[in-house]
């Protein structure tokens, strides 16, 4: 016999209905110079500024690293936690382990004159990912009080770019 449970009532914490005056698709590329591996750079304010410039009032924003050894994450900005996260990533894919990607005597694909041994950074990237998507509500990224957006450098100091695209309705 299947039990029947009453459906709980659902109350939105907040809602907004705004007449759509126009659809907006806006993008910018942000540039950063990183300093070291496993560096967490808080890019939240920069992303919020892009969204504000976009004119999107309700929609979504995609924040994407243009690199395979730098990730985008949404997490808490607390210095000891950032240290913990860096330590966990270094345990998951330690720089000192053997990676075929780093063995230039056998590797033949995607080689450049300035190729570096960074197999660990690519493997760490697997655990984080290249992008985050956040809702845009009332013209700002709708993220939690303790949440921040980070560019995470997994390899070594170098210039990095982050692509931000805001899509939605303007007002």
Protein backbone atom coordinates (compact mmCIF):
# COMPACT_ATOMS: atom_id res chain seq x y z
CA UNK A 1 0.00 0.00 0.00
CA UNK A 2 1.34 3.43 -0.94
CA UNK A 3 1.14 6.07 1.75
CA UNK A 4 -0.09 9.46 0.84
CA UNK A 5 1.61 12.45 2.40
CA UNK A 6 0.21 15.96 2.24
CA UNK A 7 2.19 18.20 -0.03
CA UNK A 8 4.03 20.89 1.93
CA UNK A 9 3.12 24.44 1.11
CA UNK A 10 5.76 26.32 -0.83
CA UNK A 11 6.30 30.00 -0.20
CA UNK A 12 8.81 31.90 -2.27
CA UNK A 13 11.25 33.85 -0.14
CA UNK A 14 11.06 36.63 -2.69
CA UNK A 15 9.78 36.99 -6.18
CA UNK A 16 9.81 39.61 -8.83
CA UNK A 17 7.80 40.14 -11.95
CA UNK A 18 9.20 42.79 -14.23
CA UNK A 19 7.97 43.49 -17.72
CA UNK A 20 10.73 42.58 -20.14
CA UNK A 21 11.75 45.70 -22.00
CA UNK A 22 14.58 44.06 -23.89
CA UNK A 23 16.69 40.95 -24.08
CA UNK A 24 20.32 41.63 -23.25
CA UNK A 25 23.37 39.56 -24.17
CA UNK A 26 26.55 41.18 -22.90
CA UNK A 27 30.09 39.90 -22.40
CA UNK A 28 33.47 41.08 -21.19
CA UNK A 29 36.86 39.46 -20.73
CA UNK A 30 38.60 40.18 -17.43
CA UNK A 31 42.39 39.96 -17.17
CA UNK A 32 44.40 38.88 -14.13
CA UNK A 33 48.06 38.27 -13.36
CA UNK A 34 48.40 35.30 -11.04
CA UNK A 35 51.28 34.89 -8.58
CA UNK A 36 51.58 31.17 -7.80
CA UNK A 37 49.99 27.74 -8.01
CA UNK A 38 46.88 27.11 -5.92
CA UNK A 39 46.14 30.83 -5.65
CA UNK A 40 42.49 31.77 -5.09
CA UNK A 41 41.73 35.22 -6.55
CA UNK A 42 38.38 36.68 -5.47
CA UNK A 43 36.77 38.02 -8.64
CA UNK A 44 33.29 38.60 -7.17
CA UNK A 45 33.36 42.41 -7.30
CA UNK A 46 34.68 42.37 -10.88
CA UNK A 47 31.88 40.00 -11.96
CA UNK A 48 29.26 42.13 -10.17
CA UNK A 49 30.60 45.19 -12.02
CA UNK A 50 30.30 43.40 -15.38
CA UNK A 51 26.71 42.47 -14.58
CA UNK A 52 25.93 46.07 -13.58
CA UNK A 53 27.43 47.36 -16.86
CA UNK A 54 25.45 44.77 -18.83
CA UNK A 55 22.07 46.19 -17.91
CA UNK A 56 20.70 42.68 -17.24
CA UNK A 57 18.13 42.86 -14.45
CA UNK A 58 16.95 39.24 -14.40
CA UNK A 59 18.72 36.33 -16.06
CA UNK A 60 22.00 34.57 -15.57
CA UNK A 61 25.72 35.14 -15.79
CA UNK A 62 28.29 32.60 -16.89
CA UNK A 63 31.82 33.05 -15.58
CA UNK A 64 34.39 30.97 -17.44
CA UNK A 65 38.15 30.50 -17.28
CA UNK A 66 39.71 30.47 -20.73
CA UNK A 67 42.38 28.03 -19.54
CA UNK A 68 42.71 24.32 -18.80
CA UNK A 69 44.93 24.93 -15.76
CA UNK A 70 42.90 27.71 -14.12
CA UNK A 71 39.43 27.11 -12.71
CA UNK A 72 36.39 29.08 -11.60
CA UNK A 73 34.72 28.15 -8.32
CA UNK A 74 32.00 29.49 -6.04
CA UNK A 75 32.87 29.01 -2.38
CA UNK A 76 33.41 30.80 0.91
CA UNK A 77 36.10 33.46 1.16
CA UNK A 78 37.70 32.51 4.45
CA UNK A 79 41.53 32.44 4.46
CA UNK A 80 41.94 29.21 6.44
CA UNK A 81 39.39 27.45 4.24
CA UNK A 82 41.23 28.62 1.13
CA UNK A 83 44.41 27.07 2.58
CA UNK A 84 42.48 23.85 3.25
CA UNK A 85 41.13 23.74 -0.30
CA UNK A 86 44.61 24.30 -1.76
CA UNK A 87 45.96 21.47 0.42
CA UNK A 88 43.18 19.09 -0.68
CA UNK A 89 43.83 19.85 -4.35
CA UNK A 90 47.56 19.24 -3.93
CA UNK A 91 46.79 15.88 -2.31
CA UNK A 92 44.36 14.88 -5.09
CA UNK A 93 46.91 15.52 -7.85
CA UNK A 94 50.36 16.20 -6.38
CA UNK A 95 52.84 18.14 -8.51
CA UNK A 96 55.56 15.54 -7.85
CA UNK A 97 53.65 12.53 -9.20
CA UNK A 98 54.35 11.00 -12.61
CA UNK A 99 52.08 12.26 -15.40
CA UNK A 100 52.46 11.04 -18.98
CA UNK A 101 51.53 14.57 -20.04
CA UNK A 102 54.83 15.71 -18.51
CA UNK A 103 56.94 13.04 -20.21
CA UNK A 104 58.16 14.98 -23.24
CA UNK A 105 60.03 11.93 -24.51
CA UNK A 106 56.70 10.25 -25.36
CA UNK A 107 54.24 13.15 -25.68
CA UNK A 108 53.51 14.34 -29.21
CA UNK A 109 50.23 16.33 -29.02
CA UNK A 110 49.71 20.02 -28.23
CA UNK A 111 53.41 20.70 -27.73
CA UNK A 112 54.76 24.26 -27.80
CA UNK A 113 58.25 25.73 -27.49
CA UNK A 114 57.46 26.83 -23.91
CA UNK A 115 55.78 23.62 -22.77
CA UNK A 116 55.90 23.05 -19.01
CA UNK A 117 55.33 19.96 -16.89
CA UNK A 118 51.84 20.71 -15.59
CA UNK A 119 49.93 17.43 -15.68
CA UNK A 120 49.04 17.90 -12.02
CA UNK A 121 47.33 21.24 -12.79
CA UNK A 122 45.21 19.68 -15.54
CA UNK A 123 44.21 16.85 -13.20
CA UNK A 124 43.34 19.28 -10.38
CA UNK A 125 41.15 21.14 -12.87
CA UNK A 126 39.04 17.98 -13.20
CA UNK A 127 37.86 18.47 -9.62
CA UNK A 128 36.94 22.14 -10.05
CA UNK A 129 35.83 22.92 -13.58
CA UNK A 130 36.04 25.79 -16.01
CA UNK A 131 32.91 27.77 -15.17
CA UNK A 132 30.12 28.75 -12.83
CA UNK A 133 26.65 30.00 -13.72
CA UNK A 134 24.87 32.30 -11.28
CA UNK A 135 21.40 33.83 -11.40
CA UNK A 136 21.10 37.57 -11.95
CA UNK A 137 18.40 39.10 -9.77
CA UNK A 138 17.70 42.83 -9.60
CA UNK A 139 20.83 43.56 -11.62
CA UNK A 140 23.33 41.64 -9.48
CA UNK A 141 24.69 38.12 -9.15
CA UNK A 142 22.42 36.39 -6.67
CA UNK A 143 24.92 34.53 -4.50
CA UNK A 144 24.87 33.63 -0.83
CA UNK A 145 26.22 35.88 1.90
CA UNK A 146 29.35 33.77 2.37
CA UNK A 147 29.81 32.90 -1.30
CA UNK A 148 32.50 34.40 -3.52
CA UNK A 149 33.61 33.70 -7.06
CA UNK A 150 37.25 32.71 -7.44
CA UNK A 151 39.71 32.31 -10.25
CA UNK A 152 41.94 29.45 -9.09
CA UNK A 153 45.45 29.29 -10.51
CA UNK A 154 46.51 25.64 -10.67
CA UNK A 155 49.79 25.97 -12.55
CA UNK A 156 52.20 28.90 -12.15
CA UNK A 157 52.25 32.71 -12.25
CA UNK A 158 51.06 34.05 -15.59
CA UNK A 159 48.42 36.26 -17.22
CA UNK A 160 44.91 34.76 -17.17
CA UNK A 161 41.59 35.73 -18.71
CA UNK A 162 38.06 35.15 -17.47
CA UNK A 163 35.08 35.47 -19.81
CA UNK A 164 31.87 36.80 -18.24
CA UNK A 165 28.59 36.69 -20.16
CA UNK A 166 25.34 38.09 -18.79
CA UNK A 167 22.08 37.10 -20.46
CA UNK A 168 18.56 38.13 -19.57
CA UNK A 169 16.08 40.95 -19.59
CA UNK A 170 16.97 44.55 -19.04
CA UNK A 171 14.74 47.14 -17.57
